[in-house]
Amino acid sequence: MTEVETLLFEAEVVPHRSLSTRGLSILLASMGVVSLTVTTLCWWVGAWPIAGFNGAEMLLAALLLRMHIRGLRAREVLLLTGQHFRVLRFDQDGNRTERQLPVAWLNVVVEERPGRVPGLFVVTHGRREELARALGENAKRDLAEALRGALHRLRHPVFENPQLA
């Protein structure tokens, strides 16, 4: 984006994660305490093989929860200028991909999919790019309306003439 281009629309799409890293630590600690209590009780009654299975189960739960939290770094940034619509995607490892589409014939399409969350696409000159895969139905519809509104303002500017007022 050059200095001449002004930003007309910007949105950041971040997958919803209800568990923060602090919350993850608290959850894993409480799971560990409960698991250790159950394992100790089973050991005392003679069911010592439970300790190995319970330890493996805790390790698997911790690994899966860590993978879930890593997804916090993934995001999608949508930028609209007078010339281009850019989609910047960042994955959980911090890798960045960018798609740039001309806005001349850009169209926002919400595609209904039976039994699933609808898809949000931008289409121009036969190129099609899906946006906001991580959002739910209502959020996608809101984003589509906001993007349509920004494109409408771009294509139909309002000029104020103080002499006519």
N, C-alpha and C. Protein backbone atom coordinates (compact mmCIF):
# COMPACT_ATOMS: atom_id res chain seq x y z
N MET A 1 0.85 -1.17 0.00
CA MET A 1 0.00 0.00 0.00
C MET A 1 0.89 1.22 0.00
N THR A 2 0.69 2.13 -0.93
CA THR A 2 1.50 3.33 -1.02
C THR A 2 0.91 4.42 -0.15
N GLU A 3 1.65 5.55 -0.04
CA GLU A 3 1.18 6.66 0.77
C GLU A 3 -0.05 7.33 0.15
N VAL A 4 -0.22 7.20 -1.19
CA VAL A 4 -1.33 7.84 -1.88
C VAL A 4 -2.64 7.14 -1.55
N GLU A 5 -2.62 5.84 -1.36
CA GLU A 5 -3.83 5.08 -1.08
C GLU A 5 -4.26 5.30 0.37
N THR A 6 -5.53 5.63 0.54
CA THR A 6 -6.06 5.78 1.89
C THR A 6 -6.87 4.55 2.25
N LEU A 7 -6.81 4.19 3.48
CA LEU A 7 -7.51 3.01 3.97
C LEU A 7 -8.99 3.35 4.18
N LEU A 8 -9.87 2.63 3.48
CA LEU A 8 -11.30 2.88 3.56
C LEU A 8 -12.02 1.91 4.49
N PHE A 9 -11.47 0.73 4.66
CA PHE A 9 -12.09 -0.29 5.50
C PHE A 9 -10.99 -1.20 6.03
N GLU A 10 -11.09 -1.54 7.29
CA GLU A 10 -10.15 -2.48 7.90
C GLU A 10 -10.91 -3.34 8.90
N ALA A 11 -10.67 -4.63 8.84
CA ALA A 11 -11.28 -5.56 9.78
C ALA A 11 -10.27 -6.64 10.12
N GLU A 12 -10.28 -7.04 11.36
CA GLU A 12 -9.41 -8.14 11.80
C GLU A 12 -10.29 -9.27 12.30
N VAL A 13 -10.11 -10.44 11.71
CA VAL A 13 -10.90 -11.62 12.06
C VAL A 13 -10.00 -12.53 12.89
N VAL A 14 -10.42 -12.77 14.12
CA VAL A 14 -9.65 -13.60 15.05
C VAL A 14 -10.55 -14.74 15.51
N PRO A 15 -10.08 -15.99 15.44
CA PRO A 15 -10.90 -17.10 15.93
C PRO A 15 -11.22 -16.93 17.42
N HIS A 16 -12.43 -17.25 17.79
CA HIS A 16 -12.84 -17.13 19.19
C HIS A 16 -12.19 -18.23 20.03
N ARG A 17 -11.54 -17.82 21.08
CA ARG A 17 -10.98 -18.76 22.04
C ARG A 17 -11.42 -18.31 23.42
N SER A 18 -12.17 -19.13 24.11
CA SER A 18 -12.70 -18.75 25.41
C SER A 18 -11.69 -18.97 26.53
N LEU A 19 -10.58 -19.60 26.23
CA LEU A 19 -9.60 -19.94 27.26
C LEU A 19 -8.31 -19.17 27.00
N SER A 20 -7.91 -18.33 27.95
CA SER A 20 -6.64 -17.61 27.83
C SER A 20 -5.50 -18.49 28.31
N THR A 21 -4.27 -18.02 28.16
CA THR A 21 -3.13 -18.82 28.61
C THR A 21 -3.14 -18.95 30.15
N ARG A 22 -3.59 -17.90 30.83
CA ARG A 22 -3.69 -17.99 32.30
C ARG A 22 -4.77 -18.99 32.67
N GLY A 23 -5.90 -18.94 31.98
CA GLY A 23 -6.98 -19.89 32.23
C GLY A 23 -6.54 -21.32 31.95
N LEU A 24 -5.71 -21.50 30.91
CA LEU A 24 -5.18 -22.83 30.61
C LEU A 24 -4.33 -23.35 31.75
N SER A 25 -3.49 -22.49 32.31
CA SER A 25 -2.64 -22.91 33.44
C SER A 25 -3.49 -23.32 34.63
N ILE A 26 -4.52 -22.55 34.92
CA ILE A 26 -5.41 -22.87 36.05
C ILE A 26 -6.14 -24.19 35.79
N LEU A 27 -6.64 -24.36 34.56
CA LEU A 27 -7.35 -25.60 34.21
C LEU A 27 -6.44 -26.81 34.33
N LEU A 28 -5.23 -26.72 33.77
CA LEU A 28 -4.30 -27.85 33.84
C LEU A 28 -3.89 -28.16 35.28
N ALA A 29 -3.71 -27.12 36.10
CA ALA A 29 -3.35 -27.35 37.50
C ALA A 29 -4.49 -28.05 38.24
N SER A 30 -5.72 -27.60 38.03
CA SER A 30 -6.85 -28.24 38.72
C SER A 30 -7.07 -29.66 38.21
N MET A 31 -6.90 -29.89 36.90
CA MET A 31 -7.00 -31.26 36.38
C MET A 31 -5.91 -32.14 36.97
N GLY A 32 -4.72 -31.58 37.14
CA GLY A 32 -3.61 -32.33 37.72
C GLY A 32 -3.88 -32.73 39.16
N VAL A 33 -4.46 -31.82 39.94
CA VAL A 33 -4.78 -32.11 41.34
C VAL A 33 -5.84 -33.21 41.43
N VAL A 34 -6.89 -33.09 40.63
CA VAL A 34 -7.95 -34.12 40.63
C VAL A 34 -7.38 -35.45 40.16
N SER A 35 -6.58 -35.44 39.12
CA SER A 35 -5.99 -36.67 38.59
C SER A 35 -5.06 -37.32 39.61
N LEU A 36 -4.26 -36.52 40.28
CA LEU A 36 -3.36 -37.07 41.30
C LEU A 36 -4.14 -37.67 42.47
N THR A 37 -5.23 -37.04 42.85
CA THR A 37 -6.07 -37.55 43.94
C THR A 37 -6.68 -38.90 43.56
N VAL A 38 -7.24 -38.97 42.35
CA VAL A 38 -7.85 -40.23 41.89
C VAL A 38 -6.79 -41.32 41.76
N THR A 39 -5.64 -40.97 41.20
CA THR A 39 -4.56 -41.94 41.03
C THR A 39 -4.07 -42.47 42.37
N THR A 40 -3.94 -41.57 43.36
CA THR A 40 -3.48 -41.98 44.69
C THR A 40 -4.49 -42.93 45.34
N LEU A 41 -5.77 -42.60 45.23
CA LEU A 41 -6.80 -43.48 45.81
C LEU A 41 -6.78 -44.84 45.13
N CYS A 42 -6.65 -44.87 43.82
CA CYS A 42 -6.61 -46.15 43.11
C CYS A 42 -5.36 -46.95 43.50
N TRP A 43 -4.25 -46.28 43.70
CA TRP A 43 -3.00 -46.94 44.10
C TRP A 43 -3.18 -47.61 45.46
N TRP A 44 -3.84 -46.91 46.38
CA TRP A 44 -4.04 -47.45 47.73
C TRP A 44 -4.93 -48.68 47.74
N VAL A 45 -5.87 -48.77 46.82
CA VAL A 45 -6.76 -49.93 46.80
C VAL A 45 -6.18 -51.06 45.95
N GLY A 46 -4.99 -50.85 45.39
CA GLY A 46 -4.32 -51.90 44.66
C GLY A 46 -4.46 -51.83 43.15
N ALA A 47 -5.09 -50.80 42.63
CA ALA A 47 -5.25 -50.67 41.17
C ALA A 47 -4.15 -49.76 40.64
N TRP A 48 -2.89 -50.19 40.86
CA TRP A 48 -1.76 -49.34 40.47
C TRP A 48 -1.60 -49.12 38.96
N PRO A 49 -2.10 -50.01 38.07
CA PRO A 49 -1.97 -49.70 36.63
C PRO A 49 -2.72 -48.42 36.20
N ILE A 50 -3.68 -48.00 37.03
CA ILE A 50 -4.43 -46.78 36.72
C ILE A 50 -3.48 -45.59 36.62
N ALA A 51 -2.39 -45.58 37.37
CA ALA A 51 -1.46 -44.45 37.39
C ALA A 51 -0.90 -44.18 36.00
N GLY A 52 -0.51 -45.21 35.29
CA GLY A 52 0.05 -45.02 33.95
C GLY A 52 -0.98 -44.49 32.97
N PHE A 53 -2.18 -45.08 33.02
CA PHE A 53 -3.24 -44.61 32.11
C PHE A 53 -3.65 -43.17 32.43
N ASN A 54 -3.75 -42.88 33.71
CA ASN A 54 -4.15 -41.53 34.11
C ASN A 54 -3.08 -40.51 33.71
N GLY A 55 -1.82 -40.88 33.85
CA GLY A 55 -0.73 -39.99 33.44
C GLY A 55 -0.74 -39.74 31.93
N ALA A 56 -0.98 -40.80 31.16
CA ALA A 56 -1.05 -40.65 29.70
C ALA A 56 -2.25 -39.78 29.30
N GLU A 57 -3.36 -39.97 30.00
CA GLU A 57 -4.55 -39.17 29.72
C GLU A 57 -4.30 -37.69 30.02
N MET A 58 -3.62 -37.40 31.10
CA MET A 58 -3.31 -36.01 31.45
C MET A 58 -2.35 -35.39 30.42
N LEU A 59 -1.38 -36.16 29.98
CA LEU A 59 -0.43 -35.68 28.98
C LEU A 59 -1.16 -35.37 27.67
N LEU A 60 -2.05 -36.25 27.26
CA LEU A 60 -2.82 -36.02 26.03
C LEU A 60 -3.72 -34.79 26.17
N ALA A 61 -4.38 -34.63 27.30
CA ALA A 61 -5.25 -33.47 27.52
C ALA A 61 -4.44 -32.18 27.48
N ALA A 62 -3.27 -32.18 28.11
CA ALA A 62 -2.42 -30.98 28.11
C ALA A 62 -1.95 -30.66 26.69
N LEU A 63 -1.58 -31.67 25.94
CA LEU A 63 -1.12 -31.46 24.56
C LEU A 63 -2.23 -30.88 23.69
N LEU A 64 -3.43 -31.43 23.79
CA LEU A 64 -4.56 -30.94 22.99
C LEU A 64 -4.96 -29.52 23.37
N LEU A 65 -4.94 -29.22 24.66
CA LEU A 65 -5.27 -27.86 25.09
C LEU A 65 -4.21 -26.86 24.64
N ARG A 66 -2.95 -27.24 24.66
CA ARG A 66 -1.87 -26.36 24.16
C ARG A 66 -2.04 -26.09 22.67
N MET A 67 -2.40 -27.11 21.91
CA MET A 67 -2.62 -26.92 20.47
C MET A 67 -3.79 -25.96 20.25
N HIS A 68 -4.80 -26.08 21.07
CA HIS A 68 -5.96 -25.19 20.96
C HIS A 68 -5.54 -23.74 21.23
N ILE A 69 -4.74 -23.52 22.23
CA ILE A 69 -4.30 -22.18 22.59
C ILE A 69 -3.37 -21.59 21.51
N ARG A 70 -2.58 -22.43 20.85
CA ARG A 70 -1.70 -21.92 19.79
C ARG A 70 -2.48 -21.23 18.69
N GLY A 71 -3.74 -21.63 18.51
CA GLY A 71 -4.58 -21.02 17.49
C GLY A 71 -4.91 -19.56 17.77
N LEU A 72 -4.59 -19.05 18.97
CA LEU A 72 -4.84 -17.65 19.30
C LEU A 72 -4.06 -16.71 18.39
N ARG A 73 -2.92 -17.14 17.90
CA ARG A 73 -2.09 -16.27 17.07
C ARG A 73 -2.59 -16.19 15.63
N ALA A 74 -3.48 -17.08 15.23
CA ALA A 74 -4.00 -17.06 13.86
C ALA A 74 -5.00 -15.91 13.73
N ARG A 75 -4.91 -15.19 12.61
CA ARG A 75 -5.86 -14.11 12.37
C ARG A 75 -5.87 -13.76 10.89
N GLU A 76 -6.85 -12.97 10.52
CA GLU A 76 -7.03 -12.55 9.14
C GLU A 76 -7.32 -11.05 9.17
N VAL A 77 -6.60 -10.28 8.36
CA VAL A 77 -6.77 -8.83 8.30
C VAL A 77 -7.28 -8.48 6.90
N LEU A 78 -8.38 -7.74 6.85
CA LEU A 78 -8.99 -7.33 5.59
C LEU A 78 -8.81 -5.82 5.44
N LEU A 79 -8.21 -5.41 4.33
CA LEU A 79 -7.92 -3.99 4.09
C LEU A 79 -8.49 -3.58 2.74
N LEU A 80 -9.25 -2.51 2.73
CA LEU A 80 -9.82 -1.98 1.50
C LEU A 80 -9.31 -0.58 1.27
N THR A 81 -8.70 -0.36 0.11
CA THR A 81 -8.28 0.98 -0.31
C THR A 81 -9.03 1.31 -1.59
N GLY A 82 -8.74 2.45 -2.17
CA GLY A 82 -9.42 2.85 -3.39
C GLY A 82 -9.07 1.99 -4.59
N GLN A 83 -7.95 1.28 -4.54
CA GLN A 83 -7.49 0.47 -5.66
C GLN A 83 -7.55 -1.03 -5.42
N HIS A 84 -7.30 -1.45 -4.17
CA HIS A 84 -7.13 -2.88 -3.90
C HIS A 84 -7.89 -3.31 -2.65
N PHE A 85 -8.22 -4.58 -2.64
CA PHE A 85 -8.72 -5.24 -1.44
C PHE A 85 -7.68 -6.29 -1.08
N ARG A 86 -7.08 -6.16 0.10
CA ARG A 86 -6.02 -7.08 0.51
C ARG A 86 -6.51 -7.95 1.66
N VAL A 87 -6.13 -9.23 1.57
CA VAL A 87 -6.43 -10.19 2.62
C VAL A 87 -5.09 -10.70 3.14
N LEU A 88 -4.78 -10.37 4.38
CA LEU A 88 -3.55 -10.84 5.02
C LEU A 88 -3.93 -11.93 6.01
N ARG A 89 -3.33 -13.09 5.85
CA ARG A 89 -3.61 -14.21 6.76
C ARG A 89 -2.34 -14.56 7.52
N PHE A 90 -2.50 -14.71 8.82
CA PHE A 90 -1.39 -15.11 9.69
C PHE A 90 -1.80 -16.42 10.35
N ASP A 91 -0.97 -17.45 10.24
CA ASP A 91 -1.31 -18.72 10.88
C ASP A 91 -0.74 -18.75 12.30
N GLN A 92 -0.95 -19.86 13.02
CA GLN A 92 -0.52 -19.94 14.41
C GLN A 92 0.99 -19.89 14.58
N ASP A 93 1.74 -20.15 13.51
CA ASP A 93 3.20 -20.07 13.59
C ASP A 93 3.73 -18.69 13.23
N GLY A 94 2.85 -17.77 12.84
CA GLY A 94 3.26 -16.42 12.47
C GLY A 94 3.55 -16.26 10.98
N ASN A 95 3.37 -17.30 10.19
CA ASN A 95 3.58 -17.20 8.74
C ASN A 95 2.48 -16.35 8.13
N ARG A 96 2.86 -15.52 7.17
CA ARG A 96 1.92 -14.58 6.56
C ARG A 96 1.71 -14.90 5.09
N THR A 97 0.46 -14.89 4.66
CA THR A 97 0.13 -14.98 3.24
C THR A 97 -0.74 -13.78 2.90
N GLU A 98 -0.63 -13.34 1.67
CA GLU A 98 -1.37 -12.15 1.26
C GLU A 98 -2.01 -12.37 -0.10
N ARG A 99 -3.26 -11.95 -0.22
CA ARG A 99 -3.97 -11.95 -1.50
C ARG A 99 -4.40 -10.52 -1.76
N GLN A 100 -4.25 -10.08 -2.99
CA GLN A 100 -4.64 -8.73 -3.35
C GLN A 100 -5.58 -8.80 -4.55
N LEU A 101 -6.73 -8.18 -4.42
CA LEU A 101 -7.73 -8.20 -5.47
C LEU A 101 -8.08 -6.77 -5.87
N PRO A 102 -8.29 -6.52 -7.16
CA PRO A 102 -8.71 -5.17 -7.57
C PRO A 102 -10.16 -4.93 -7.15
N VAL A 103 -10.48 -3.68 -6.80
CA VAL A 103 -11.82 -3.40 -6.29
C VAL A 103 -12.80 -2.98 -7.38
N ALA A 104 -12.35 -2.84 -8.61
CA ALA A 104 -13.21 -2.33 -9.67
C ALA A 104 -14.51 -3.13 -9.79
N TRP A 105 -14.43 -4.43 -9.80
CA TRP A 105 -15.62 -5.28 -9.94
C TRP A 105 -15.79 -6.20 -8.75
N LEU A 106 -15.28 -5.81 -7.62
CA LEU A 106 -15.34 -6.64 -6.42
C LEU A 106 -16.78 -6.76 -5.92
N ASN A 107 -17.17 -7.97 -5.61
CA ASN A 107 -18.52 -8.24 -5.13
C ASN A 107 -18.43 -9.12 -3.89
N VAL A 108 -19.27 -8.85 -2.91
CA VAL A 108 -19.32 -9.63 -1.67
C VAL A 108 -20.48 -10.61 -1.77
N VAL A 109 -20.20 -11.90 -1.57
CA VAL A 109 -21.21 -12.94 -1.72
C VAL A 109 -21.26 -13.77 -0.44
N VAL A 110 -22.47 -13.95 0.08
CA VAL A 110 -22.69 -14.88 1.20
C VAL A 110 -23.37 -16.10 0.59
N GLU A 111 -22.66 -17.20 0.61
CA GLU A 111 -23.15 -18.44 -0.03
C GLU A 111 -23.74 -19.36 1.03
N GLU A 112 -25.01 -19.65 0.86
CA GLU A 112 -25.70 -20.53 1.81
C GLU A 112 -25.26 -21.98 1.58
N ARG A 113 -24.99 -22.67 2.67
CA ARG A 113 -24.63 -24.09 2.62
C ARG A 113 -25.55 -24.83 3.57
N PRO A 114 -26.40 -25.70 3.07
CA PRO A 114 -27.38 -26.39 3.93
C PRO A 114 -26.71 -27.15 5.08
N GLY A 115 -27.17 -26.86 6.28
CA GLY A 115 -26.67 -27.56 7.46
C GLY A 115 -25.32 -27.07 7.95
N ARG A 116 -24.77 -26.04 7.33
CA ARG A 116 -23.45 -25.52 7.73
C ARG A 116 -23.50 -24.00 7.82
N VAL A 117 -22.47 -23.44 8.37
CA VAL A 117 -22.33 -21.99 8.41
C VAL A 117 -22.13 -21.48 6.99
N PRO A 118 -22.82 -20.41 6.59
CA PRO A 118 -22.64 -19.93 5.22
C PRO A 118 -21.22 -19.46 4.96
N GLY A 119 -20.82 -19.48 3.70
CA GLY A 119 -19.49 -19.02 3.32
C GLY A 119 -19.54 -17.57 2.90
N LEU A 120 -18.49 -16.82 3.25
CA LEU A 120 -18.37 -15.41 2.87
C LEU A 120 -17.25 -15.31 1.84
N PHE A 121 -17.58 -14.82 0.65
CA PHE A 121 -16.61 -14.75 -0.44
C PHE A 121 -16.57 -13.34 -1.00
N VAL A 122 -15.39 -12.97 -1.51
CA VAL A 122 -15.28 -11.79 -2.38
C VAL A 122 -14.92 -12.33 -3.75
N VAL A 123 -15.59 -11.80 -4.78
CA VAL A 123 -15.43 -12.30 -6.14
C VAL A 123 -15.11 -11.13 -7.05
N THR A 124 -14.12 -11.30 -7.92
CA THR A 124 -13.80 -10.30 -8.93
C THR A 124 -13.07 -10.97 -10.08
N HIS A 125 -13.49 -10.67 -11.30
CA HIS A 125 -12.83 -11.16 -12.52
C HIS A 125 -12.55 -12.66 -12.47
N GLY A 126 -13.51 -13.44 -12.02
CA GLY A 126 -13.35 -14.88 -11.98
C GLY A 126 -12.51 -15.39 -10.82
N ARG A 127 -11.95 -14.50 -10.03
CA ARG A 127 -11.19 -14.90 -8.84
C ARG A 127 -12.12 -14.85 -7.63
N ARG A 128 -11.97 -15.82 -6.78
CA ARG A 128 -12.87 -15.97 -5.64
C ARG A 128 -12.03 -16.26 -4.40
N GLU A 129 -12.27 -15.52 -3.35
CA GLU A 129 -11.51 -15.68 -2.12
C GLU A 129 -12.47 -15.79 -0.94
N GLU A 130 -12.33 -16.88 -0.17
CA GLU A 130 -13.18 -17.04 1.01
C GLU A 130 -12.59 -16.25 2.17
N LEU A 131 -13.47 -15.59 2.90
CA LEU A 131 -13.06 -14.77 4.03
C LEU A 131 -13.67 -15.30 5.32
N ALA A 132 -13.02 -15.00 6.41
CA ALA A 132 -13.56 -15.20 7.76
C ALA A 132 -14.08 -16.61 8.01
N ARG A 133 -13.28 -17.60 7.70
CA ARG A 133 -13.69 -19.00 7.92
C ARG A 133 -13.96 -19.29 9.39
N ALA A 134 -13.31 -18.54 10.28
CA ALA A 134 -13.42 -18.82 11.71
C ALA A 134 -14.66 -18.21 12.36
N LEU A 135 -15.40 -17.38 11.62
CA LEU A 135 -16.55 -16.71 12.21
C LEU A 135 -17.81 -17.54 12.10
N GLY A 136 -18.75 -17.24 12.97
CA GLY A 136 -20.06 -17.87 12.92
C GLY A 136 -20.98 -17.16 11.94
N GLU A 137 -22.19 -17.64 11.84
CA GLU A 137 -23.13 -17.14 10.84
C GLU A 137 -23.45 -15.65 11.00
N ASN A 138 -23.82 -15.23 12.20
CA ASN A 138 -24.19 -13.82 12.40
C ASN A 138 -23.02 -12.89 12.18
N ALA A 139 -21.85 -13.27 12.66
CA ALA A 139 -20.67 -12.44 12.48
C ALA A 139 -20.29 -12.32 11.00
N LYS A 140 -20.43 -13.41 10.25
CA LYS A 140 -20.14 -13.36 8.81
C LYS A 140 -21.11 -12.43 8.09
N ARG A 141 -22.37 -12.51 8.46
CA ARG A 141 -23.37 -11.64 7.82
C ARG A 141 -23.09 -10.17 8.16
N ASP A 142 -22.72 -9.88 9.41
CA ASP A 142 -22.38 -8.51 9.79
C ASP A 142 -21.16 -8.00 9.03
N LEU A 143 -20.14 -8.86 8.91
CA LEU A 143 -18.94 -8.48 8.17
C LEU A 143 -19.26 -8.24 6.70
N ALA A 144 -20.12 -9.07 6.12
CA ALA A 144 -20.51 -8.90 4.72
C ALA A 144 -21.22 -7.56 4.53
N GLU A 145 -22.12 -7.21 5.44
CA GLU A 145 -22.83 -5.93 5.32
C GLU A 145 -21.88 -4.75 5.47
N ALA A 146 -20.94 -4.84 6.41
CA ALA A 146 -19.97 -3.76 6.59
C ALA A 146 -19.09 -3.60 5.35
N LEU A 147 -18.66 -4.71 4.77
CA LEU A 147 -17.83 -4.66 3.57
C LEU A 147 -18.62 -4.14 2.37
N ARG A 148 -19.87 -4.56 2.24
CA ARG A 148 -20.72 -4.02 1.17
C ARG A 148 -20.92 -2.52 1.33
N GLY A 149 -21.12 -2.08 2.56
CA GLY A 149 -21.27 -0.65 2.83
C GLY A 149 -20.02 0.14 2.46
N ALA A 150 -18.85 -0.40 2.78
CA ALA A 150 -17.59 0.27 2.43
C ALA A 150 -17.41 0.34 0.92
N LEU A 151 -17.75 -0.74 0.22
CA LEU A 151 -17.66 -0.73 -1.24
C LEU A 151 -18.66 0.25 -1.85
N HIS A 152 -19.84 0.35 -1.26
CA HIS A 152 -20.84 1.30 -1.75
C HIS A 152 -20.35 2.74 -1.58
N ARG A 153 -19.76 3.04 -0.41
CA ARG A 153 -19.22 4.39 -0.18
C ARG A 153 -18.07 4.70 -1.13
N LEU A 154 -17.29 3.68 -1.46
CA LEU A 154 -16.18 3.87 -2.40
C LEU A 154 -16.70 4.18 -3.80
N ARG A 155 -17.72 3.46 -4.22
CA ARG A 155 -18.23 3.60 -5.59
C ARG A 155 -19.20 4.77 -5.76
N HIS A 156 -19.78 5.23 -4.66
CA HIS A 156 -20.75 6.33 -4.71
C HIS A 156 -20.36 7.40 -3.71
N PRO A 157 -19.29 8.13 -3.99
CA PRO A 157 -18.84 9.15 -3.03
C PRO A 157 -19.84 10.31 -2.94
N VAL A 158 -19.91 10.90 -1.78
CA VAL A 158 -20.76 12.06 -1.56
C VAL A 158 -19.86 13.28 -1.51
N PHE A 159 -20.10 14.20 -2.43
CA PHE A 159 -19.31 15.43 -2.47
C PHE A 159 -20.13 16.55 -1.85
N GLU A 160 -19.55 17.22 -0.91
CA GLU A 160 -20.23 18.32 -0.27
C GLU A 160 -19.74 19.63 -0.88
N ASN A 161 -20.69 20.40 -1.38
CA ASN A 161 -20.37 21.69 -1.97
C ASN A 161 -20.90 22.75 -1.02
N PRO A 162 -20.01 23.51 -0.36
CA PRO A 162 -20.48 24.51 0.59
C PRO A 162 -21.30 25.62 -0.06
N GLN A 163 -21.14 25.82 -1.36
CA GLN A 163 -21.90 26.88 -2.04
C GLN A 163 -23.36 26.51 -2.19
N LEU A 164 -23.66 25.21 -2.21
CA LEU A 164 -25.04 24.77 -2.36
C LEU A 164 -25.79 24.70 -1.04
N ALA A 165 -25.07 24.78 0.06
CA ALA A 165 -25.70 24.65 1.38
C ALA A 165 -26.41 25.92 1.80
